[in-house]
Amino acid sequence: MSIGSLGDGNSEAHVSDVTLNGATLTGTTNGVRIKTWQGGSGSASNIKFQNIEMHNVKNPIIIDQKYCDQDKPCKSQSRAVQVQNVLYLNIKGTSSSSEAIQIDCSEKFPCKGIVLQGIDLRVGGKAAKAECNNAKIIEKGNVSPSCT
């Protein structure tokens, strides 16, 4: 389930009040994703991903606020789509990559109000990793892998 591409071509985009409740994802590239382009504007807010089972998913939880589809790194932009108030609740299963949570937000417009609650994602029976940058994250209950 992807929300995006928001802000493509420096455009303004607004998405809010989205709930995904109950899903099973098997062998997909992305699990639950929010993708925004560098240089865009607007917001993605009040989003809930809950009661989701993952089986062999490459990127189970991903926020990419600095998306760029070039081979070389994109120039850093002064604008970004604000991502805020996102809940990940009761998400369990397996990742096909070592990094099960990737939250990569803008330095100038960091993600706010990101809540991880009841997360249990593993790779090959072992704990997976989380990479979280420029985001205000609240972890409640058991969260594995952890951003903190």
N, C-alpha and C. Protein backbone atom coordinates (compact mmCIF):
# COMPACT_ATOMS: atom_id res chain seq x y z
N MET A 1 0.85 -1.17 0.00
CA MET A 1 0.00 0.00 0.00
C MET A 1 0.89 1.23 0.00
N SER A 2 0.87 1.98 -1.08
CA SER A 2 1.69 3.18 -1.19
C SER A 2 0.82 4.42 -1.28
N ILE A 3 1.22 5.44 -0.54
CA ILE A 3 0.63 6.77 -0.67
C ILE A 3 1.72 7.61 -1.31
N GLY A 4 1.47 8.06 -2.52
CA GLY A 4 2.46 8.82 -3.27
C GLY A 4 2.26 8.54 -4.75
N SER A 5 2.86 9.21 -5.54
CA SER A 5 4.00 10.11 -5.39
C SER A 5 3.50 11.53 -5.14
N LEU A 6 3.73 12.04 -3.98
CA LEU A 6 3.25 13.36 -3.63
C LEU A 6 4.33 14.40 -3.91
N GLY A 7 3.95 15.51 -4.52
CA GLY A 7 4.89 16.60 -4.78
C GLY A 7 5.74 16.44 -6.02
N ASP A 8 5.39 15.52 -6.91
CA ASP A 8 6.14 15.30 -8.15
C ASP A 8 6.18 16.58 -8.97
N GLY A 9 7.36 16.91 -9.54
CA GLY A 9 7.50 18.10 -10.37
C GLY A 9 7.28 19.40 -9.60
N ASN A 10 7.66 19.41 -8.32
CA ASN A 10 7.50 20.58 -7.44
C ASN A 10 6.04 20.97 -7.25
N SER A 11 5.14 20.02 -7.37
CA SER A 11 3.70 20.30 -7.22
C SER A 11 3.29 20.29 -5.75
N GLU A 12 2.09 20.78 -5.51
CA GLU A 12 1.51 20.76 -4.17
C GLU A 12 0.53 19.60 -4.09
N ALA A 13 0.59 18.86 -2.98
CA ALA A 13 -0.29 17.70 -2.80
C ALA A 13 -0.73 17.62 -1.34
N HIS A 14 -1.98 17.21 -1.15
CA HIS A 14 -2.52 17.03 0.20
C HIS A 14 -3.26 15.70 0.27
N VAL A 15 -2.87 14.88 1.24
CA VAL A 15 -3.56 13.61 1.50
C VAL A 15 -3.76 13.54 3.01
N SER A 16 -5.00 13.24 3.43
CA SER A 16 -5.23 13.12 4.87
C SER A 16 -6.36 12.15 5.15
N ASP A 17 -6.40 11.71 6.40
CA ASP A 17 -7.47 10.84 6.90
C ASP A 17 -7.60 9.55 6.10
N VAL A 18 -6.48 8.83 5.99
CA VAL A 18 -6.44 7.54 5.29
C VAL A 18 -6.22 6.45 6.33
N THR A 19 -7.00 5.37 6.26
CA THR A 19 -6.83 4.22 7.15
C THR A 19 -6.78 2.94 6.32
N LEU A 20 -5.74 2.15 6.55
CA LEU A 20 -5.67 0.79 6.02
C LEU A 20 -5.74 -0.12 7.24
N ASN A 21 -6.84 -0.85 7.35
CA ASN A 21 -7.06 -1.71 8.51
C ASN A 21 -7.27 -3.15 8.05
N GLY A 22 -6.23 -3.96 8.26
CA GLY A 22 -6.32 -5.38 7.93
C GLY A 22 -5.87 -5.69 6.53
N ALA A 23 -4.69 -6.26 6.42
CA ALA A 23 -4.17 -6.69 5.11
C ALA A 23 -3.08 -7.72 5.34
N THR A 24 -2.87 -8.58 4.34
CA THR A 24 -1.75 -9.50 4.33
C THR A 24 -0.99 -9.25 3.04
N LEU A 25 0.31 -8.99 3.17
CA LEU A 25 1.16 -8.72 2.01
C LEU A 25 2.22 -9.81 1.94
N THR A 26 2.38 -10.41 0.75
CA THR A 26 3.32 -11.51 0.58
C THR A 26 4.20 -11.26 -0.63
N GLY A 27 5.53 -11.26 -0.41
CA GLY A 27 6.51 -11.17 -1.49
C GLY A 27 6.51 -9.85 -2.25
N THR A 28 6.03 -8.79 -1.66
CA THR A 28 5.98 -7.49 -2.34
C THR A 28 7.28 -6.71 -2.11
N THR A 29 7.51 -5.71 -2.97
CA THR A 29 8.66 -4.82 -2.77
C THR A 29 8.42 -3.91 -1.57
N ASN A 30 7.24 -3.30 -1.51
CA ASN A 30 6.92 -2.39 -0.42
C ASN A 30 5.70 -2.90 0.35
N GLY A 31 5.73 -2.64 1.65
CA GLY A 31 4.59 -2.96 2.50
C GLY A 31 3.69 -1.74 2.60
N VAL A 32 3.89 -0.94 3.63
CA VAL A 32 3.14 0.31 3.78
C VAL A 32 4.13 1.46 3.61
N ARG A 33 3.86 2.28 2.59
CA ARG A 33 4.83 3.30 2.17
C ARG A 33 4.17 4.65 1.98
N ILE A 34 4.89 5.69 2.39
CA ILE A 34 4.55 7.07 2.04
C ILE A 34 5.74 7.61 1.27
N LYS A 35 5.49 8.07 0.04
CA LYS A 35 6.57 8.54 -0.82
C LYS A 35 6.26 9.96 -1.28
N THR A 36 7.20 10.88 -0.99
CA THR A 36 7.05 12.25 -1.45
C THR A 36 8.32 12.68 -2.17
N TRP A 37 8.14 13.47 -3.20
CA TRP A 37 9.26 13.96 -4.00
C TRP A 37 9.91 15.17 -3.34
N GLN A 38 11.23 15.27 -3.50
CA GLN A 38 11.93 16.46 -3.06
C GLN A 38 11.39 17.67 -3.83
N GLY A 39 11.28 18.81 -3.16
CA GLY A 39 10.85 20.04 -3.82
C GLY A 39 9.36 20.25 -3.88
N GLY A 40 8.57 19.22 -3.55
CA GLY A 40 7.13 19.37 -3.53
C GLY A 40 6.68 20.14 -2.30
N SER A 41 5.38 20.35 -2.18
CA SER A 41 4.85 21.00 -0.99
C SER A 41 3.48 20.40 -0.67
N GLY A 42 2.96 20.76 0.50
CA GLY A 42 1.67 20.24 0.93
C GLY A 42 1.84 19.37 2.16
N SER A 43 0.95 18.35 2.29
CA SER A 43 1.01 17.52 3.49
C SER A 43 0.43 16.14 3.26
N ALA A 44 0.93 15.22 4.07
CA ALA A 44 0.36 13.86 4.20
C ALA A 44 0.16 13.68 5.70
N SER A 45 -1.10 13.61 6.14
CA SER A 45 -1.35 13.61 7.58
C SER A 45 -2.53 12.73 7.97
N ASN A 46 -2.54 12.38 9.24
CA ASN A 46 -3.62 11.57 9.81
C ASN A 46 -3.82 10.27 9.03
N ILE A 47 -2.74 9.50 8.97
CA ILE A 47 -2.71 8.24 8.22
C ILE A 47 -2.51 7.10 9.21
N LYS A 48 -3.31 6.02 9.05
CA LYS A 48 -3.22 4.85 9.93
C LYS A 48 -3.01 3.59 9.10
N PHE A 49 -1.96 2.86 9.43
CA PHE A 49 -1.72 1.53 8.88
C PHE A 49 -1.81 0.57 10.07
N GLN A 50 -2.83 -0.29 10.10
CA GLN A 50 -3.01 -1.13 11.28
C GLN A 50 -3.47 -2.54 10.93
N ASN A 51 -3.08 -3.48 11.81
CA ASN A 51 -3.47 -4.89 11.68
C ASN A 51 -3.03 -5.46 10.33
N ILE A 52 -1.72 -5.41 10.11
CA ILE A 52 -1.16 -5.84 8.83
C ILE A 52 -0.13 -6.94 9.07
N GLU A 53 -0.22 -7.97 8.24
CA GLU A 53 0.71 -9.10 8.29
C GLU A 53 1.59 -9.06 7.05
N MET A 54 2.88 -9.17 7.26
CA MET A 54 3.86 -9.15 6.16
C MET A 54 4.55 -10.50 6.07
N HIS A 55 4.71 -10.99 4.83
CA HIS A 55 5.45 -12.22 4.59
C HIS A 55 6.47 -11.96 3.48
N ASN A 56 7.76 -11.95 3.86
CA ASN A 56 8.83 -11.81 2.88
C ASN A 56 8.70 -10.51 2.06
N VAL A 57 8.45 -9.41 2.75
CA VAL A 57 8.29 -8.09 2.11
C VAL A 57 9.62 -7.35 2.20
N LYS A 58 10.10 -6.80 1.09
CA LYS A 58 11.41 -6.16 1.05
C LYS A 58 11.49 -4.92 1.93
N ASN A 59 10.51 -4.04 1.86
CA ASN A 59 10.48 -2.80 2.65
C ASN A 59 9.15 -2.72 3.41
N PRO A 60 9.04 -3.40 4.55
CA PRO A 60 7.74 -3.45 5.22
C PRO A 60 7.17 -2.09 5.62
N ILE A 61 7.97 -1.24 6.25
CA ILE A 61 7.51 0.10 6.66
C ILE A 61 8.49 1.11 6.10
N ILE A 62 7.98 2.03 5.27
CA ILE A 62 8.87 3.00 4.65
C ILE A 62 8.18 4.36 4.48
N ILE A 63 8.89 5.39 4.95
CA ILE A 63 8.54 6.77 4.62
C ILE A 63 9.75 7.33 3.89
N ASP A 64 9.56 7.75 2.66
CA ASP A 64 10.62 8.36 1.87
C ASP A 64 10.16 9.76 1.50
N GLN A 65 10.61 10.73 2.29
CA GLN A 65 10.21 12.13 2.08
C GLN A 65 11.17 12.83 1.12
N LYS A 66 12.21 12.13 0.69
CA LYS A 66 13.22 12.73 -0.20
C LYS A 66 13.38 11.90 -1.48
N TYR A 67 12.26 11.42 -2.01
CA TYR A 67 12.31 10.53 -3.17
C TYR A 67 12.97 11.23 -4.36
N CYS A 68 13.79 10.46 -5.07
CA CYS A 68 14.50 10.94 -6.25
C CYS A 68 14.72 9.73 -7.14
N ASP A 69 14.35 9.82 -8.41
CA ASP A 69 14.47 8.65 -9.28
C ASP A 69 15.65 8.74 -10.25
N GLN A 70 16.69 9.47 -9.84
CA GLN A 70 17.90 9.58 -10.67
C GLN A 70 18.97 8.63 -10.15
N ASP A 71 19.89 8.27 -11.04
CA ASP A 71 21.01 7.42 -10.62
C ASP A 71 21.93 8.17 -9.67
N LYS A 72 22.16 9.46 -9.93
CA LYS A 72 23.00 10.27 -9.05
C LYS A 72 22.10 10.97 -8.03
N PRO A 73 22.64 11.33 -6.87
CA PRO A 73 21.81 11.98 -5.84
C PRO A 73 21.19 13.29 -6.36
N CYS A 74 19.95 13.52 -5.98
CA CYS A 74 19.27 14.76 -6.34
C CYS A 74 19.78 15.90 -5.47
N LYS A 75 19.74 17.11 -6.02
CA LYS A 75 20.12 18.30 -5.28
C LYS A 75 19.12 18.49 -4.12
N SER A 76 19.64 18.83 -2.95
CA SER A 76 18.77 19.07 -1.80
C SER A 76 17.84 20.24 -2.08
N GLN A 77 16.58 20.09 -1.70
CA GLN A 77 15.56 21.10 -1.99
C GLN A 77 15.17 21.85 -0.72
N SER A 78 14.63 23.06 -0.91
CA SER A 78 14.22 23.87 0.23
C SER A 78 12.78 23.61 0.63
N ARG A 79 12.05 22.81 -0.16
CA ARG A 79 10.64 22.50 0.15
C ARG A 79 10.46 20.99 0.24
N ALA A 80 9.40 20.61 0.97
CA ALA A 80 9.05 19.18 1.08
C ALA A 80 7.60 19.07 1.48
N VAL A 81 6.99 17.95 1.13
CA VAL A 81 5.64 17.63 1.59
C VAL A 81 5.76 17.24 3.06
N GLN A 82 5.03 17.94 3.94
CA GLN A 82 5.09 17.65 5.37
C GLN A 82 4.36 16.34 5.67
N VAL A 83 5.05 15.42 6.34
CA VAL A 83 4.45 14.14 6.74
C VAL A 83 4.27 14.19 8.25
N GLN A 84 3.01 14.01 8.70
CA GLN A 84 2.76 14.10 10.14
C GLN A 84 1.56 13.27 10.55
N ASN A 85 1.59 12.87 11.82
CA ASN A 85 0.50 12.10 12.43
C ASN A 85 0.22 10.81 11.66
N VAL A 86 1.21 9.93 11.68
CA VAL A 86 1.10 8.63 11.01
C VAL A 86 1.22 7.54 12.08
N LEU A 87 0.25 6.64 12.10
CA LEU A 87 0.23 5.54 13.07
C LEU A 87 0.48 4.21 12.36
N TYR A 88 1.46 3.47 12.87
CA TYR A 88 1.71 2.09 12.44
C TYR A 88 1.38 1.22 13.65
N LEU A 89 0.30 0.45 13.59
CA LEU A 89 -0.20 -0.31 14.73
C LEU A 89 -0.39 -1.78 14.38
N ASN A 90 0.18 -2.65 15.20
CA ASN A 90 -0.01 -4.09 15.06
C ASN A 90 0.41 -4.58 13.67
N ILE A 91 1.67 -4.36 13.36
CA ILE A 91 2.24 -4.80 12.09
C ILE A 91 3.28 -5.87 12.40
N LYS A 92 3.08 -7.05 11.84
CA LYS A 92 3.91 -8.19 12.20
C LYS A 92 4.29 -8.99 10.96
N GLY A 93 5.41 -9.74 11.06
CA GLY A 93 5.78 -10.63 9.99
C GLY A 93 7.25 -10.60 9.66
N THR A 94 7.55 -10.88 8.38
CA THR A 94 8.94 -11.02 7.96
C THR A 94 9.29 -10.07 6.83
N SER A 95 10.56 -9.68 6.86
CA SER A 95 11.14 -8.83 5.82
C SER A 95 12.12 -9.67 5.01
N SER A 96 12.23 -9.39 3.71
CA SER A 96 13.23 -10.09 2.89
C SER A 96 14.55 -9.33 2.87
N SER A 97 14.59 -8.15 3.51
CA SER A 97 15.84 -7.39 3.63
C SER A 97 16.13 -7.16 5.11
N SER A 98 17.36 -6.83 5.45
CA SER A 98 17.74 -6.67 6.85
C SER A 98 17.11 -5.43 7.48
N GLU A 99 16.75 -4.44 6.66
CA GLU A 99 16.18 -3.20 7.16
C GLU A 99 14.67 -3.21 6.96
N ALA A 100 13.91 -3.46 8.01
CA ALA A 100 12.46 -3.59 7.91
C ALA A 100 11.73 -2.26 8.05
N ILE A 101 12.37 -1.29 8.71
CA ILE A 101 11.77 0.03 8.86
C ILE A 101 12.75 1.06 8.32
N GLN A 102 12.28 1.85 7.34
CA GLN A 102 13.08 2.93 6.77
C GLN A 102 12.25 4.21 6.80
N ILE A 103 12.66 5.13 7.65
CA ILE A 103 11.97 6.41 7.74
C ILE A 103 13.02 7.48 7.45
N ASP A 104 12.95 8.08 6.27
CA ASP A 104 13.95 9.04 5.81
C ASP A 104 13.25 10.35 5.49
N CYS A 105 13.36 11.30 6.40
CA CYS A 105 12.63 12.55 6.28
C CYS A 105 13.57 13.73 6.04
N SER A 106 12.99 14.83 5.60
CA SER A 106 13.71 16.05 5.27
C SER A 106 14.27 16.72 6.53
N GLU A 107 15.47 17.27 6.41
CA GLU A 107 16.05 18.03 7.53
C GLU A 107 15.23 19.30 7.79
N LYS A 108 14.78 19.96 6.74
CA LYS A 108 14.06 21.23 6.88
C LYS A 108 12.60 21.05 7.25
N PHE A 109 12.00 19.90 6.87
CA PHE A 109 10.60 19.59 7.19
C PHE A 109 10.52 18.18 7.77
N PRO A 110 11.10 17.97 8.97
CA PRO A 110 11.12 16.62 9.52
C PRO A 110 9.71 16.06 9.72
N CYS A 111 9.60 14.74 9.65
CA CYS A 111 8.33 14.07 9.91
C CYS A 111 7.99 14.23 11.39
N LYS A 112 6.70 14.44 11.68
CA LYS A 112 6.26 14.67 13.06
C LYS A 112 5.14 13.71 13.42
N GLY A 113 5.10 13.31 14.69
CA GLY A 113 3.99 12.50 15.17
C GLY A 113 3.91 11.13 14.54
N ILE A 114 5.06 10.50 14.30
CA ILE A 114 5.10 9.15 13.76
C ILE A 114 5.05 8.18 14.95
N VAL A 115 4.02 7.34 15.00
CA VAL A 115 3.83 6.41 16.12
C VAL A 115 4.00 4.98 15.62
N LEU A 116 4.89 4.25 16.29
CA LEU A 116 5.09 2.82 16.05
C LEU A 116 4.58 2.10 17.29
N GLN A 117 3.61 1.22 17.12
CA GLN A 117 3.02 0.52 18.27
C GLN A 117 2.71 -0.93 17.89
N GLY A 118 3.22 -1.86 18.69
CA GLY A 118 2.96 -3.27 18.43
C GLY A 118 3.56 -3.74 17.12
N ILE A 119 4.83 -3.44 16.91
CA ILE A 119 5.53 -3.81 15.67
C ILE A 119 6.45 -5.00 15.96
N ASP A 120 6.38 -6.04 15.13
CA ASP A 120 7.27 -7.20 15.25
C ASP A 120 7.61 -7.70 13.85
N LEU A 121 8.74 -7.19 13.35
CA LEU A 121 9.21 -7.56 12.01
C LEU A 121 10.58 -8.21 12.12
N ARG A 122 10.72 -9.37 11.47
CA ARG A 122 11.96 -10.14 11.56
C ARG A 122 12.46 -10.48 10.15
N VAL A 123 13.73 -10.85 10.11
CA VAL A 123 14.32 -11.33 8.86
C VAL A 123 15.04 -12.65 9.16
N GLY A 124 14.63 -13.69 8.48
CA GLY A 124 15.25 -15.00 8.68
C GLY A 124 15.21 -15.48 10.13
N GLY A 125 14.16 -15.17 10.86
CA GLY A 125 14.03 -15.58 12.25
C GLY A 125 14.78 -14.71 13.23
N LYS A 126 15.54 -13.73 12.73
CA LYS A 126 16.33 -12.83 13.59
C LYS A 126 15.70 -11.44 13.58
N ALA A 127 16.15 -10.62 14.51
CA ALA A 127 15.67 -9.24 14.57
C ALA A 127 16.11 -8.49 13.31
N ALA A 128 15.23 -7.69 12.79
CA ALA A 128 15.56 -6.82 11.65
C ALA A 128 16.13 -5.51 12.17
N LYS A 129 16.48 -4.60 11.25
CA LYS A 129 17.02 -3.30 11.62
C LYS A 129 16.05 -2.21 11.22
N ALA A 130 16.24 -1.03 11.85
CA ALA A 130 15.47 0.15 11.50
C ALA A 130 16.43 1.30 11.24
N GLU A 131 16.15 2.09 10.21
CA GLU A 131 16.93 3.28 9.89
C GLU A 131 15.95 4.45 9.88
N CYS A 132 16.11 5.38 10.83
CA CYS A 132 15.15 6.46 10.99
C CYS A 132 15.90 7.79 11.09
N ASN A 133 15.62 8.69 10.16
CA ASN A 133 16.32 9.98 10.10
C ASN A 133 15.34 11.13 10.03
N ASN A 134 15.61 12.18 10.81
CA ASN A 134 14.86 13.44 10.78
C ASN A 134 13.36 13.22 11.01
N ALA A 135 13.04 12.46 12.04
CA ALA A 135 11.63 12.18 12.34
C ALA A 135 11.42 12.17 13.85
N LYS A 136 10.30 12.72 14.27
CA LYS A 136 9.90 12.65 15.68
C LYS A 136 9.02 11.41 15.82
N ILE A 137 9.61 10.36 16.41
CA ILE A 137 8.96 9.05 16.48
C ILE A 137 8.63 8.71 17.93
N ILE A 138 7.42 8.24 18.13
CA ILE A 138 6.97 7.77 19.44
C ILE A 138 6.79 6.26 19.32
N GLU A 139 7.43 5.50 20.20
CA GLU A 139 7.28 4.06 20.22
C GLU A 139 6.46 3.66 21.44
N LYS A 140 5.41 2.86 21.22
CA LYS A 140 4.54 2.40 22.31
C LYS A 140 4.51 0.89 22.32
N GLY A 141 4.59 0.32 23.52
CA GLY A 141 4.54 -1.14 23.63
C GLY A 141 5.76 -1.77 23.00
N ASN A 142 5.61 -3.01 22.55
CA ASN A 142 6.72 -3.71 21.91
C ASN A 142 6.90 -3.22 20.49
N VAL A 143 8.13 -2.78 20.17
CA VAL A 143 8.46 -2.33 18.83
C VAL A 143 9.80 -2.95 18.44
N SER A 144 9.76 -3.84 17.45
CA SER A 144 10.97 -4.49 16.95
C SER A 144 10.90 -4.60 15.43
N PRO A 145 11.84 -3.96 14.74
CA PRO A 145 13.01 -3.24 15.26
C PRO A 145 12.65 -1.83 15.74
N SER A 146 13.52 -1.29 16.56
CA SER A 146 13.28 0.02 17.16
C SER A 146 14.07 1.10 16.44
N CYS A 147 13.48 2.28 16.36
CA CYS A 147 14.18 3.44 15.79
C CYS A 147 15.08 4.12 16.82
N THR A 148 14.88 3.83 18.09
CA THR A 148 15.66 4.53 19.11
C THR A 148 16.92 3.80 19.48
